[in-house]
Amino acid sequence: MTPFSSSMALAWGLLAVAGLLEVLWLVALNVAEQLSRPLSAALSLLIAGIEFLILSYVVRVIPAGTAYAVCMGLGAAGGVLVGILFFSEPMKAVQAVCVGLIVVGLVGIKATQ
């Protein structure tokens, strides 16, 4: 593996971590009840800060638009799934199809890089 492909693989791995942090940030924000619970609010801000730091590294290797789209796409799809699984949020069939389209789009973005 060449150094460039090694840094590219690391960047994509970190981008996946940033996407997971996006979901954790959303969960912490939900638990913080609109920032009215100080500890949860602080955790939410800490998670967002770490995600920002990771993205600031990733955009050195992956184009910023691509990195942002993948991170937010992972966060959006993951946020919907976490909402359904842990916060009893309803989901209609058409919403499931839309989440699936987000995932297909993310795979397409990765496949064309």
PDB file of N, CA and C in Angstrom:
ATOM      1  N   MET A   1       0.848  -1.178   0.000  1.00  0.00           N
ATOM      2  CA  MET A   1       0.000   0.000   0.000  1.00  0.00           C
ATOM      3  C   MET A   1       0.895   1.243   0.000  1.00  0.00           C
ATOM      4  N   THR A   2       0.635   2.171  -0.894  1.00  0.00           N
ATOM      5  CA  THR A   2       1.437   3.385  -0.959  1.00  0.00           C
ATOM      6  C   THR A   2       1.038   4.340   0.144  1.00  0.00           C
ATOM      7  N   PRO A   3       1.910   5.299   0.501  1.00  0.00           N
ATOM      8  CA  PRO A   3       1.548   6.246   1.567  1.00  0.00           C
ATOM      9  C   PRO A   3       0.259   7.003   1.264  1.00  0.00           C
ATOM     10  N   PHE A   4       0.029   7.360  -0.013  1.00  0.00           N
ATOM     11  CA  PHE A   4      -1.193   8.092  -0.347  1.00  0.00           C
ATOM     12  C   PHE A   4      -2.425   7.246  -0.081  1.00  0.00           C
ATOM     13  N   SER A   5      -2.418   5.993  -0.526  1.00  0.00           N
ATOM     14  CA  SER A   5      -3.598   5.166  -0.321  1.00  0.00           C
ATOM     15  C   SER A   5      -3.794   4.852   1.165  1.00  0.00           C
ATOM     16  N   SER A   6      -2.696   4.788   1.914  1.00  0.00           N
ATOM     17  CA  SER A   6      -2.797   4.585   3.349  1.00  0.00           C
ATOM     18  C   SER A   6      -3.479   5.781   4.016  1.00  0.00           C
ATOM     19  N   SER A   7      -3.085   7.003   3.630  1.00  0.00           N
ATOM     20  CA  SER A   7      -3.723   8.183   4.215  1.00  0.00           C
ATOM     21  C   SER A   7      -5.171   8.304   3.752  1.00  0.00           C
ATOM     22  N   MET A   8      -5.463   7.864   2.531  1.00  0.00           N
ATOM     23  CA  MET A   8      -6.840   7.891   2.035  1.00  0.00           C
ATOM     24  C   MET A   8      -7.701   6.913   2.834  1.00  0.00           C
ATOM     25  N   ALA A   9      -7.178   5.718   3.088  1.00  0.00           N
ATOM     26  CA  ALA A   9      -7.928   4.733   3.871  1.00  0.00           C
ATOM     27  C   ALA A   9      -8.166   5.252   5.291  1.00  0.00           C
ATOM     28  N   LEU A  10      -7.139   5.871   5.873  1.00  0.00           N
ATOM     29  CA  LEU A  10      -7.289   6.452   7.212  1.00  0.00           C
ATOM     30  C   LEU A  10      -8.352   7.548   7.204  1.00  0.00           C
ATOM     31  N   ALA A  11      -8.329   8.392   6.184  1.00  0.00           N
ATOM     32  CA  ALA A  11      -9.302   9.483   6.094  1.00  0.00           C
ATOM     33  C   ALA A  11     -10.722   8.945   5.988  1.00  0.00           C
ATOM     34  N   TRP A  12     -10.926   7.900   5.182  1.00  0.00           N
ATOM     35  CA  TRP A  12     -12.264   7.330   5.056  1.00  0.00           C
ATOM     36  C   TRP A  12     -12.704   6.674   6.365  1.00  0.00           C
ATOM     37  N   GLY A  13     -11.772   6.037   7.056  1.00  0.00           N
ATOM     38  CA  GLY A  13     -12.098   5.452   8.358  1.00  0.00           C
ATOM     39  C   GLY A  13     -12.481   6.522   9.369  1.00  0.00           C
ATOM     40  N   LEU A  14     -11.702   7.607   9.380  1.00  0.00           N
ATOM     41  CA  LEU A  14     -12.025   8.715  10.285  1.00  0.00           C
ATOM     42  C   LEU A  14     -13.341   9.381   9.909  1.00  0.00           C
ATOM     43  N   LEU A  15     -13.637   9.400   8.630  1.00  0.00           N
ATOM     44  CA  LEU A  15     -14.910   9.967   8.190  1.00  0.00           C
ATOM     45  C   LEU A  15     -16.076   9.126   8.709  1.00  0.00           C
ATOM     46  N   ALA A  16     -15.903   7.816   8.730  1.00  0.00           N
ATOM     47  CA  ALA A  16     -16.937   6.943   9.309  1.00  0.00           C
ATOM     48  C   ALA A  16     -17.096   7.228  10.801  1.00  0.00           C
ATOM     49  N   VAL A  17     -15.974   7.436  11.491  1.00  0.00           N
ATOM     50  CA  VAL A  17     -16.027   7.785  12.919  1.00  0.00           C
ATOM     51  C   VAL A  17     -16.768   9.107  13.110  1.00  0.00           C
ATOM     52  N   ALA A  18     -16.475  10.087  12.247  1.00  0.00           N
ATOM     53  CA  ALA A  18     -17.161  11.379  12.341  1.00  0.00           C
ATOM     54  C   ALA A  18     -18.665  11.210  12.132  1.00  0.00           C
ATOM     55  N   GLY A  19     -19.052  10.329  11.213  1.00  0.00           N
ATOM     56  CA  GLY A  19     -20.474  10.059  10.998  1.00  0.00           C
ATOM     57  C   GLY A  19     -21.124   9.452  12.229  1.00  0.00           C
ATOM     58  N   LEU A  20     -20.411   8.548  12.890  1.00  0.00           N
ATOM     59  CA  LEU A  20     -20.928   7.968  14.132  1.00  0.00           C
ATOM     60  C   LEU A  20     -21.023   9.019  15.232  1.00  0.00           C
ATOM     61  N   LEU A  21     -20.031   9.911  15.280  1.00  0.00           N
ATOM     62  CA  LEU A  21     -20.089  11.001  16.264  1.00  0.00           C
ATOM     63  C   LEU A  21     -21.263  11.932  15.990  1.00  0.00           C
ATOM     64  N   GLU A  22     -21.617  12.100  14.730  1.00  0.00           N
ATOM     65  CA  GLU A  22     -22.788  12.912  14.377  1.00  0.00           C
ATOM     66  C   GLU A  22     -24.045  12.304  15.002  1.00  0.00           C
ATOM     67  N   VAL A  23     -24.145  10.976  14.954  1.00  0.00           N
ATOM     68  CA  VAL A  23     -25.292  10.294  15.567  1.00  0.00           C
ATOM     69  C   VAL A  23     -25.238  10.429  17.091  1.00  0.00           C
ATOM     70  N   LEU A  24     -24.056  10.250  17.682  1.00  0.00           N
ATOM     71  CA  LEU A  24     -23.928  10.408  19.137  1.00  0.00           C
ATOM     72  C   LEU A  24     -24.254  11.825  19.580  1.00  0.00           C
ATOM     73  N   TRP A  25     -23.838  12.802  18.772  1.00  0.00           N
ATOM     74  CA  TRP A  25     -24.149  14.194  19.078  1.00  0.00           C
ATOM     75  C   TRP A  25     -25.661  14.396  19.105  1.00  0.00           C
ATOM     76  N   LEU A  26     -26.332  13.803  18.143  1.00  0.00           N
ATOM     77  CA  LEU A  26     -27.789  13.930  18.089  1.00  0.00           C
ATOM     78  C   LEU A  26     -28.442  13.286  19.310  1.00  0.00           C
ATOM     79  N   VAL A  27     -27.952  12.129  19.704  1.00  0.00           N
ATOM     80  CA  VAL A  27     -28.492  11.456  20.890  1.00  0.00           C
ATOM     81  C   VAL A  27     -28.256  12.313  22.135  1.00  0.00           C
ATOM     82  N   ALA A  28     -27.022  12.825  22.284  1.00  0.00           N
ATOM     83  CA  ALA A  28     -26.715  13.664  23.450  1.00  0.00           C
ATOM     84  C   ALA A  28     -27.581  14.917  23.460  1.00  0.00           C
ATOM     85  N   LEU A  29     -27.808  15.495  22.290  1.00  0.00           N
ATOM     86  CA  LEU A  29     -28.656  16.683  22.208  1.00  0.00           C
ATOM     87  C   LEU A  29     -30.090  16.350  22.598  1.00  0.00           C
ATOM     88  N   ASN A  30     -30.564  15.197  22.172  1.00  0.00           N
ATOM     89  CA  ASN A  30     -31.913  14.756  22.527  1.00  0.00           C
ATOM     90  C   ASN A  30     -32.029  14.547  24.031  1.00  0.00           C
ATOM     91  N   VAL A  31     -31.022  13.914  24.614  1.00  0.00           N
ATOM     92  CA  VAL A  31     -31.023  13.670  26.055  1.00  0.00           C
ATOM     93  C   VAL A  31     -30.896  14.983  26.829  1.00  0.00           C
ATOM     94  N   ALA A  32     -30.204  15.956  26.239  1.00  0.00           N
ATOM     95  CA  ALA A  32     -30.013  17.256  26.900  1.00  0.00           C
ATOM     96  C   ALA A  32     -31.302  18.069  26.955  1.00  0.00           C
ATOM     97  N   GLU A  33     -32.341  17.610  26.291  1.00  0.00           N
ATOM     98  CA  GLU A  33     -33.633  18.297  26.293  1.00  0.00           C
ATOM     99  C   GLU A  33     -33.465  19.783  25.989  1.00  0.00           C
ATOM    100  N   GLN A  34     -33.040  20.049  24.765  1.00  0.00           N
ATOM    101  CA  GLN A  34     -32.836  21.422  24.277  1.00  0.00           C
ATOM    102  C   GLN A  34     -31.843  22.194  25.142  1.00  0.00           C
ATOM    103  N   LEU A  35     -30.794  21.523  25.518  1.00  0.00           N
ATOM    104  CA  LEU A  35     -29.686  22.099  26.281  1.00  0.00           C
ATOM    105  C   LEU A  35     -30.077  22.541  27.694  1.00  0.00           C
ATOM    106  N   SER A  36     -31.189  22.035  28.218  1.00  0.00           N
ATOM    107  CA  SER A  36     -31.608  22.418  29.570  1.00  0.00           C
ATOM    108  C   SER A  36     -30.929  21.559  30.647  1.00  0.00           C
ATOM    109  N   ARG A  37     -30.259  20.495  30.259  1.00  0.00           N
ATOM    110  CA  ARG A  37     -29.529  19.646  31.207  1.00  0.00           C
ATOM    111  C   ARG A  37     -28.035  19.877  30.987  1.00  0.00           C
ATOM    112  N   PRO A  38     -27.366  20.551  31.895  1.00  0.00           N
ATOM    113  CA  PRO A  38     -25.983  21.006  31.672  1.00  0.00           C
ATOM    114  C   PRO A  38     -24.982  19.911  31.314  1.00  0.00           C
ATOM    115  N   LEU A  39     -25.020  18.779  31.993  1.00  0.00           N
ATOM    116  CA  LEU A  39     -24.039  17.731  31.712  1.00  0.00           C
ATOM    117  C   LEU A  39     -24.236  17.156  30.310  1.00  0.00           C
ATOM    118  N   SER A  40     -25.462  16.875  29.951  1.00  0.00           N
ATOM    119  CA  SER A  40     -25.754  16.358  28.607  1.00  0.00           C
ATOM    120  C   SER A  40     -25.447  17.399  27.543  1.00  0.00           C
ATOM    121  N   ALA A  41     -25.715  18.651  27.854  1.00  0.00           N
ATOM    122  CA  ALA A  41     -25.415  19.730  26.906  1.00  0.00           C
ATOM    123  C   ALA A  41     -23.909  19.830  26.685  1.00  0.00           C
ATOM    124  N   ALA A  42     -23.145  19.736  27.761  1.00  0.00           N
ATOM    125  CA  ALA A  42     -21.680  19.795  27.645  1.00  0.00           C
ATOM    126  C   ALA A  42     -21.156  18.599  26.851  1.00  0.00           C
ATOM    127  N   LEU A  43     -21.709  17.431  27.089  1.00  0.00           N
ATOM    128  CA  LEU A  43     -21.312  16.245  26.338  1.00  0.00           C
ATOM    129  C   LEU A  43     -21.622  16.429  24.855  1.00  0.00           C
ATOM    130  N   SER A  44     -22.776  16.984  24.567  1.00  0.00           N
ATOM    131  CA  SER A  44     -23.171  17.253  23.185  1.00  0.00           C
ATOM    132  C   SER A  44     -22.158  18.170  22.502  1.00  0.00           C
ATOM    133  N   LEU A  45     -21.766  19.232  23.184  1.00  0.00           N
ATOM    134  CA  LEU A  45     -20.797  20.171  22.608  1.00  0.00           C
ATOM    135  C   LEU A  45     -19.419  19.531  22.458  1.00  0.00           C
ATOM    136  N   LEU A  46     -19.025  18.690  23.402  1.00  0.00           N
ATOM    137  CA  LEU A  46     -17.745  17.993  23.313  1.00  0.00           C
ATOM    138  C   LEU A  46     -17.720  17.059  22.104  1.00  0.00           C
ATOM    139  N   ILE A  47     -18.773  16.305  21.920  1.00  0.00           N
ATOM    140  CA  ILE A  47     -18.860  15.388  20.778  1.00  0.00           C
ATOM    141  C   ILE A  47     -18.797  16.165  19.470  1.00  0.00           C
ATOM    142  N   ALA A  48     -19.537  17.276  19.381  1.00  0.00           N
ATOM    143  CA  ALA A  48     -19.513  18.091  18.175  1.00  0.00           C
ATOM    144  C   ALA A  48     -18.112  18.641  17.913  1.00  0.00           C
ATOM    145  N   GLY A  49     -17.406  19.034  18.970  1.00  0.00           N
ATOM    146  CA  GLY A  49     -16.043  19.545  18.808  1.00  0.00           C
ATOM    147  C   GLY A  49     -15.083  18.484  18.295  1.00  0.00           C
ATOM    148  N   ILE A  50     -15.190  17.275  18.825  1.00  0.00           N
ATOM    149  CA  ILE A  50     -14.337  16.179  18.362  1.00  0.00           C
ATOM    150  C   ILE A  50     -14.641  15.861  16.898  1.00  0.00           C
ATOM    151  N   GLU A  51     -15.918  15.839  16.562  1.00  0.00           N
ATOM    152  CA  GLU A  51     -16.298  15.598  15.168  1.00  0.00           C
ATOM    153  C   GLU A  51     -15.701  16.663  14.254  1.00  0.00           C
ATOM    154  N   PHE A  52     -15.757  17.910  14.675  1.00  0.00           N
ATOM    155  CA  PHE A  52     -15.194  19.006  13.890  1.00  0.00           C
ATOM    156  C   PHE A  52     -13.692  18.814  13.684  1.00  0.00           C
ATOM    157  N   LEU A  53     -12.981  18.410  14.732  1.00  0.00           N
ATOM    158  CA  LEU A  53     -11.537  18.177  14.623  1.00  0.00           C
ATOM    159  C   LEU A  53     -11.234  17.044  13.643  1.00  0.00           C
ATOM    160  N   ILE A  54     -12.010  15.984  13.716  1.00  0.00           N
ATOM    161  CA  ILE A  54     -11.807  14.872  12.789  1.00  0.00           C
ATOM    162  C   ILE A  54     -12.062  15.326  11.358  1.00  0.00           C
ATOM    163  N   LEU A  55     -13.155  16.052  11.145  1.00  0.00           N
ATOM    164  CA  LEU A  55     -13.452  16.547   9.792  1.00  0.00           C
ATOM    165  C   LEU A  55     -12.364  17.492   9.283  1.00  0.00           C
ATOM    166  N   SER A  56     -11.777  18.272  10.168  1.00  0.00           N
ATOM    167  CA  SER A  56     -10.727  19.192   9.739  1.00  0.00           C
ATOM    168  C   SER A  56      -9.501  18.429   9.239  1.00  0.00           C
ATOM    169  N   TYR A  57      -9.257  17.239   9.768  1.00  0.00           N
ATOM    170  CA  TYR A  57      -8.183  16.397   9.230  1.00  0.00           C
ATOM    171  C   TYR A  57      -8.608  15.747   7.908  1.00  0.00           C
ATOM    172  N   VAL A  58      -9.814  15.211   7.892  1.00  0.00           N
ATOM    173  CA  VAL A  58     -10.300  14.465   6.726  1.00  0.00           C
ATOM    174  C   VAL A  58     -10.297  15.326   5.466  1.00  0.00           C
ATOM    175  N   VAL A  59     -10.667  16.603   5.582  1.00  0.00           N
ATOM    176  CA  VAL A  59     -10.760  17.440   4.382  1.00  0.00           C
ATOM    177  C   VAL A  59      -9.389  17.772   3.790  1.00  0.00           C
ATOM    178  N   ARG A  60      -8.324  17.386   4.458  1.00  0.00           N
ATOM    179  CA  ARG A  60      -6.989  17.522   3.870  1.00  0.00           C
ATOM    180  C   ARG A  60      -6.759  16.453   2.809  1.00  0.00           C
ATOM    181  N   VAL A  61      -7.519  15.357   2.905  1.00  0.00           N
ATOM    182  CA  VAL A  61      -7.324  14.212   2.024  1.00  0.00           C
ATOM    183  C   VAL A  61      -8.520  14.005   1.083  1.00  0.00           C
ATOM    184  N   ILE A  62      -9.706  14.167   1.613  1.00  0.00           N
ATOM    185  CA  ILE A  62     -10.943  13.982   0.844  1.00  0.00           C
ATOM    186  C   ILE A  62     -11.540  15.361   0.586  1.00  0.00           C
ATOM    187  N   PRO A  63     -12.042  15.622  -0.630  1.00  0.00           N
ATOM    188  CA  PRO A  63     -12.655  16.932  -0.899  1.00  0.00           C
ATOM    189  C   PRO A  63     -13.724  17.282   0.142  1.00  0.00           C
ATOM    190  N   ALA A  64     -13.748  18.543   0.539  1.00  0.00           N
ATOM    191  CA  ALA A  64     -14.616  18.991   1.630  1.00  0.00           C
ATOM    192  C   ALA A  64     -16.089  18.682   1.365  1.00  0.00           C
ATOM    193  N   GLY A  65     -16.559  18.914   0.167  1.00  0.00           N
ATOM    194  CA  GLY A  65     -17.960  18.645  -0.145  1.00  0.00           C
ATOM    195  C   GLY A  65     -18.312  17.179   0.013  1.00  0.00           C
ATOM    196  N   THR A  66     -17.413  16.323  -0.442  1.00  0.00           N
ATOM    197  CA  THR A  66     -17.617  14.879  -0.308  1.00  0.00           C
ATOM    198  C   THR A  66     -17.607  14.481   1.159  1.00  0.00           C
ATOM    199  N   ALA A  67     -16.614  14.966   1.905  1.00  0.00           N
ATOM    200  CA  ALA A  67     -16.503  14.620   3.322  1.00  0.00           C
ATOM    201  C   ALA A  67     -17.743  15.073   4.084  1.00  0.00           C
ATOM    202  N   TYR A  68     -18.192  16.283   3.823  1.00  0.00           N
ATOM    203  CA  TYR A  68     -19.357  16.810   4.529  1.00  0.00           C
ATOM    204  C   TYR A  68     -20.604  16.004   4.181  1.00  0.00           C
ATOM    205  N   ALA A  69     -20.784  15.705   2.904  1.00  0.00           N
ATOM    206  CA  ALA A  69     -21.966  14.947   2.476  1.00  0.00           C
ATOM    207  C   ALA A  69     -21.992  13.566   3.122  1.00  0.00           C
ATOM    208  N   VAL A  70     -20.842  12.904   3.160  1.00  0.00           N
ATOM    209  CA  VAL A  70     -20.790  11.565   3.751  1.00  0.00           C
ATOM    210  C   VAL A  70     -21.045  11.638   5.257  1.00  0.00           C
ATOM    211  N   CYS A  71     -20.408  12.570   5.934  1.00  0.00           N
ATOM    212  CA  CYS A  71     -20.587  12.698   7.383  1.00  0.00           C
ATOM    213  C   CYS A  71     -22.045  12.993   7.727  1.00  0.00           C
ATOM    214  N   MET A  72     -22.636  13.949   7.055  1.00  0.00           N
ATOM    215  CA  MET A  72     -24.022  14.305   7.353  1.00  0.00           C
ATOM    216  C   MET A  72     -24.987  13.215   6.909  1.00  0.00           C
ATOM    217  N   GLY A  73     -24.670  12.524   5.819  1.00  0.00           N
ATOM    218  CA  GLY A  73     -25.514  11.414   5.373  1.00  0.00           C
ATOM    219  C   GLY A  73     -25.521  10.279   6.381  1.00  0.00           C
ATOM    220  N   LEU A  74     -24.317   9.935   6.872  1.00  0.00           N
ATOM    221  CA  LEU A  74     -24.240   8.914   7.922  1.00  0.00           C
ATOM    222  C   LEU A  74     -25.003   9.362   9.162  1.00  0.00           C
ATOM    223  N   GLY A  75     -24.844  10.635   9.512  1.00  0.00           N
ATOM    224  CA  GLY A  75     -25.551  11.172  10.670  1.00  0.00           C
ATOM    225  C   GLY A  75     -27.061  11.157  10.491  1.00  0.00           C
ATOM    226  N   ALA A  76     -27.510  11.513   9.293  1.00  0.00           N
ATOM    227  CA  ALA A  76     -28.952  11.541   9.026  1.00  0.00           C
ATOM    228  C   ALA A  76     -29.557  10.141   9.071  1.00  0.00           C
ATOM    229  N   ALA A  77     -28.942   9.217   8.350  1.00  0.00           N
ATOM    230  CA  ALA A  77     -29.467   7.845   8.327  1.00  0.00           C
ATOM    231  C   ALA A  77     -29.359   7.216   9.725  1.00  0.00           C
ATOM    232  N   GLY A  78     -28.229   7.399  10.367  1.00  0.00           N
ATOM    233  CA  GLY A  78     -28.048   6.859  11.711  1.00  0.00           C
ATOM    234  C   GLY A  78     -28.986   7.490  12.713  1.00  0.00           C
ATOM    235  N   GLY A  79     -29.218   8.791  12.574  1.00  0.00           N
ATOM    236  CA  GLY A  79     -30.125   9.491  13.481  1.00  0.00           C
ATOM    237  C   GLY A  79     -31.550   8.973  13.378  1.00  0.00           C
ATOM    238  N   VAL A  80     -31.990   8.700  12.168  1.00  0.00           N
ATOM    239  CA  VAL A  80     -33.330   8.150  11.979  1.00  0.00           C
ATOM    240  C   VAL A  80     -33.425   6.769  12.625  1.00  0.00           C
ATOM    241  N   LEU A  81     -32.411   5.943  12.381  1.00  0.00           N
ATOM    242  CA  LEU A  81     -32.438   4.590  12.947  1.00  0.00           C
ATOM    243  C   LEU A  81     -32.374   4.600  14.475  1.00  0.00           C
ATOM    244  N   VAL A  82     -31.541   5.453  15.035  1.00  0.00           N
ATOM    245  CA  VAL A  82     -31.454   5.556  16.497  1.00  0.00           C
ATOM    246  C   VAL A  82     -32.780   6.067  17.066  1.00  0.00           C
ATOM    247  N   GLY A  83     -33.392   7.017  16.389  1.00  0.00           N
ATOM    248  CA  GLY A  83     -34.685   7.525  16.839  1.00  0.00           C
ATOM    249  C   GLY A  83     -35.742   6.436  16.893  1.00  0.00           C
ATOM    250  N   ILE A  84     -35.731   5.572  15.897  1.00  0.00           N
ATOM    251  CA  ILE A  84     -36.696   4.476  15.855  1.00  0.00           C
ATOM    252  C   ILE A  84     -36.393   3.441  16.939  1.00  0.00           C
ATOM    253  N   LEU A  85     -35.121   3.060  17.042  1.00  0.00           N
ATOM    254  CA  LEU A  85     -34.741   1.975  17.950  1.00  0.00           C
ATOM    255  C   LEU A  85     -34.753   2.361  19.427  1.00  0.00           C
ATOM    256  N   PHE A  86     -34.377   3.615  19.726  1.00  0.00           N
ATOM    257  CA  PHE A  86     -34.192   3.985  21.132  1.00  0.00           C
ATOM    258  C   PHE A  86     -35.155   5.057  21.647  1.00  0.00           C
ATOM    259  N   PHE A  87     -35.780   5.797  20.745  1.00  0.00           N
ATOM    260  CA  PHE A  87     -36.664   6.878  21.197  1.00  0.00           C
ATOM    261  C   PHE A  87     -38.100   6.705  20.711  1.00  0.00           C
ATOM    262  N   SER A  88     -38.415   5.511  20.252  1.00  0.00           N
ATOM    263  CA  SER A  88     -39.782   5.146  19.841  1.00  0.00           C
ATOM    264  C   SER A  88     -40.370   6.093  18.807  1.00  0.00           C
ATOM    265  N   GLU A  89     -39.534   6.584  17.918  1.00  0.00           N
ATOM    266  CA  GLU A  89     -40.038   7.443  16.851  1.00  0.00           C
ATOM    267  C   GLU A  89     -40.652   6.556  15.766  1.00  0.00           C
ATOM    268  N   PRO A  90     -41.784   6.991  15.201  1.00  0.00           N
ATOM    269  CA  PRO A  90     -42.424   6.172  14.165  1.00  0.00           C
ATOM    270  C   PRO A  90     -41.675   6.271  12.831  1.00  0.00           C
ATOM    271  N   MET A  91     -41.865   5.261  11.991  1.00  0.00           N
ATOM    272  CA  MET A  91     -41.298   5.313  10.645  1.00  0.00           C
ATOM    273  C   MET A  91     -42.291   4.722   9.663  1.00  0.00           C
ATOM    274  N   LYS A  92     -42.556   5.466   8.616  1.00  0.00           N
ATOM    275  CA  LYS A  92     -43.414   4.992   7.543  1.00  0.00           C
ATOM    276  C   LYS A  92     -42.546   4.319   6.487  1.00  0.00           C
ATOM    277  N   ALA A  93     -43.161   3.511   5.667  1.00  0.00           N
ATOM    278  CA  ALA A  93     -42.420   2.785   4.628  1.00  0.00           C
ATOM    279  C   ALA A  93     -41.679   3.738   3.703  1.00  0.00           C
ATOM    280  N   VAL A  94     -42.303   4.834   3.347  1.00  0.00           N
ATOM    281  CA  VAL A  94     -41.647   5.782   2.445  1.00  0.00           C
ATOM    282  C   VAL A  94     -40.410   6.403   3.099  1.00  0.00           C
ATOM    283  N   GLN A  95     -40.448   6.590   4.409  1.00  0.00           N
ATOM    284  CA  GLN A  95     -39.275   7.108   5.117  1.00  0.00           C
ATOM    285  C   GLN A  95     -38.141   6.085   5.084  1.00  0.00           C
ATOM    286  N   ALA A  96     -38.465   4.815   5.238  1.00  0.00           N
ATOM    287  CA  ALA A  96     -37.457   3.760   5.170  1.00  0.00           C
ATOM    288  C   ALA A  96     -36.802   3.741   3.791  1.00  0.00           C
ATOM    289  N   VAL A  97     -37.605   3.918   2.760  1.00  0.00           N
ATOM    290  CA  VAL A  97     -37.063   3.979   1.390  1.00  0.00           C
ATOM    291  C   VAL A  97     -36.117   5.169   1.259  1.00  0.00           C
ATOM    292  N   CYS A  98     -36.494   6.294   1.814  1.00  0.00           N
ATOM    293  CA  CYS A  98     -35.652   7.495   1.730  1.00  0.00           C
ATOM    294  C   CYS A  98     -34.324   7.306   2.465  1.00  0.00           C
ATOM    295  N   VAL A  99     -34.358   6.675   3.622  1.00  0.00           N
ATOM    296  CA  VAL A  99     -33.113   6.376   4.349  1.00  0.00           C
ATOM    297  C   VAL A  99     -32.261   5.427   3.506  1.00  0.00           C
ATOM    298  N   GLY A 100     -32.893   4.457   2.893  1.00  0.00           N
ATOM    299  CA  GLY A 100     -32.171   3.549   1.997  1.00  0.00           C
ATOM    300  C   GLY A 100     -31.512   4.291   0.847  1.00  0.00           C
ATOM    301  N   LEU A 101     -32.197   5.293   0.313  1.00  0.00           N
ATOM    302  CA  LEU A 101     -31.620   6.097  -0.765  1.00  0.00           C
ATOM    303  C   LEU A 101     -30.399   6.885  -0.285  1.00  0.00           C
ATOM    304  N   ILE A 102     -30.454   7.368   0.949  1.00  0.00           N
ATOM    305  CA  ILE A 102     -29.282   8.054   1.512  1.00  0.00           C
ATOM    306  C   ILE A 102     -28.098   7.087   1.549  1.00  0.00           C
ATOM    307  N   VAL A 103     -28.336   5.873   2.024  1.00  0.00           N
ATOM    308  CA  VAL A 103     -27.267   4.879   2.118  1.00  0.00           C
ATOM    309  C   VAL A 103     -26.735   4.532   0.721  1.00  0.00           C
ATOM    310  N   VAL A 104     -27.611   4.352  -0.236  1.00  0.00           N
ATOM    311  CA  VAL A 104     -27.182   4.076  -1.613  1.00  0.00           C
ATOM    312  C   VAL A 104     -26.346   5.248  -2.140  1.00  0.00           C
ATOM    313  N   GLY A 105     -26.756   6.461  -1.852  1.00  0.00           N
ATOM    314  CA  GLY A 105     -25.985   7.632  -2.259  1.00  0.00           C
ATOM    315  C   GLY A 105     -24.606   7.660  -1.636  1.00  0.00           C
ATOM    316  N   LEU A 106     -24.503   7.305  -0.374  1.00  0.00           N
ATOM    317  CA  LEU A 106     -23.208   7.274   0.310  1.00  0.00           C
ATOM    318  C   LEU A 106     -22.295   6.221  -0.296  1.00  0.00           C
ATOM    319  N   VAL A 107     -22.861   5.048  -0.587  1.00  0.00           N
ATOM    320  CA  VAL A 107     -22.066   3.998  -1.229  1.00  0.00           C
ATOM    321  C   VAL A 107     -21.602   4.470  -2.606  1.00  0.00           C
ATOM    322  N   GLY A 108     -22.479   5.157  -3.323  1.00  0.00           N
ATOM    323  CA  GLY A 108     -22.101   5.690  -4.642  1.00  0.00           C
ATOM    324  C   GLY A 108     -20.988   6.719  -4.557  1.00  0.00           C
ATOM    325  N   ILE A 109     -21.057   7.586  -3.571  1.00  0.00           N
ATOM    326  CA  ILE A 109     -20.007   8.583  -3.394  1.00  0.00           C
ATOM    327  C   ILE A 109     -18.677   7.901  -3.116  1.00  0.00           C
ATOM    328  N   LYS A 110     -18.683   6.918  -2.228  1.00  0.00           N
ATOM    329  CA  LYS A 110     -17.443   6.211  -1.890  1.00  0.00           C
ATOM    330  C   LYS A 110     -16.914   5.450  -3.098  1.00  0.00           C
ATOM    331  N   ALA A 111     -17.801   4.813  -3.838  1.00  0.00           N
ATOM    332  CA  ALA A 111     -17.392   3.990  -4.989  1.00  0.00           C
ATOM    333  C   ALA A 111     -16.757   4.832  -6.091  1.00  0.00           C
ATOM    334  N   THR A 112     -17.123   6.087  -6.169  1.00  0.00           N
ATOM    335  CA  THR A 112     -16.595   6.934  -7.246  1.00  0.00           C
ATOM    336  C   THR A 112     -15.400   7.779  -6.819  1.00  0.00           C
ATOM    337  N   GLN A 113     -14.911   7.606  -5.630  1.00  0.00           N
ATOM    338  CA  GLN A 113     -13.740   8.344  -5.172  1.00  0.00           C
ATOM    339  C   GLN A 113     -12.467   7.663  -5.556  1.00  0.00           C
TER     340      GLN A 113
END
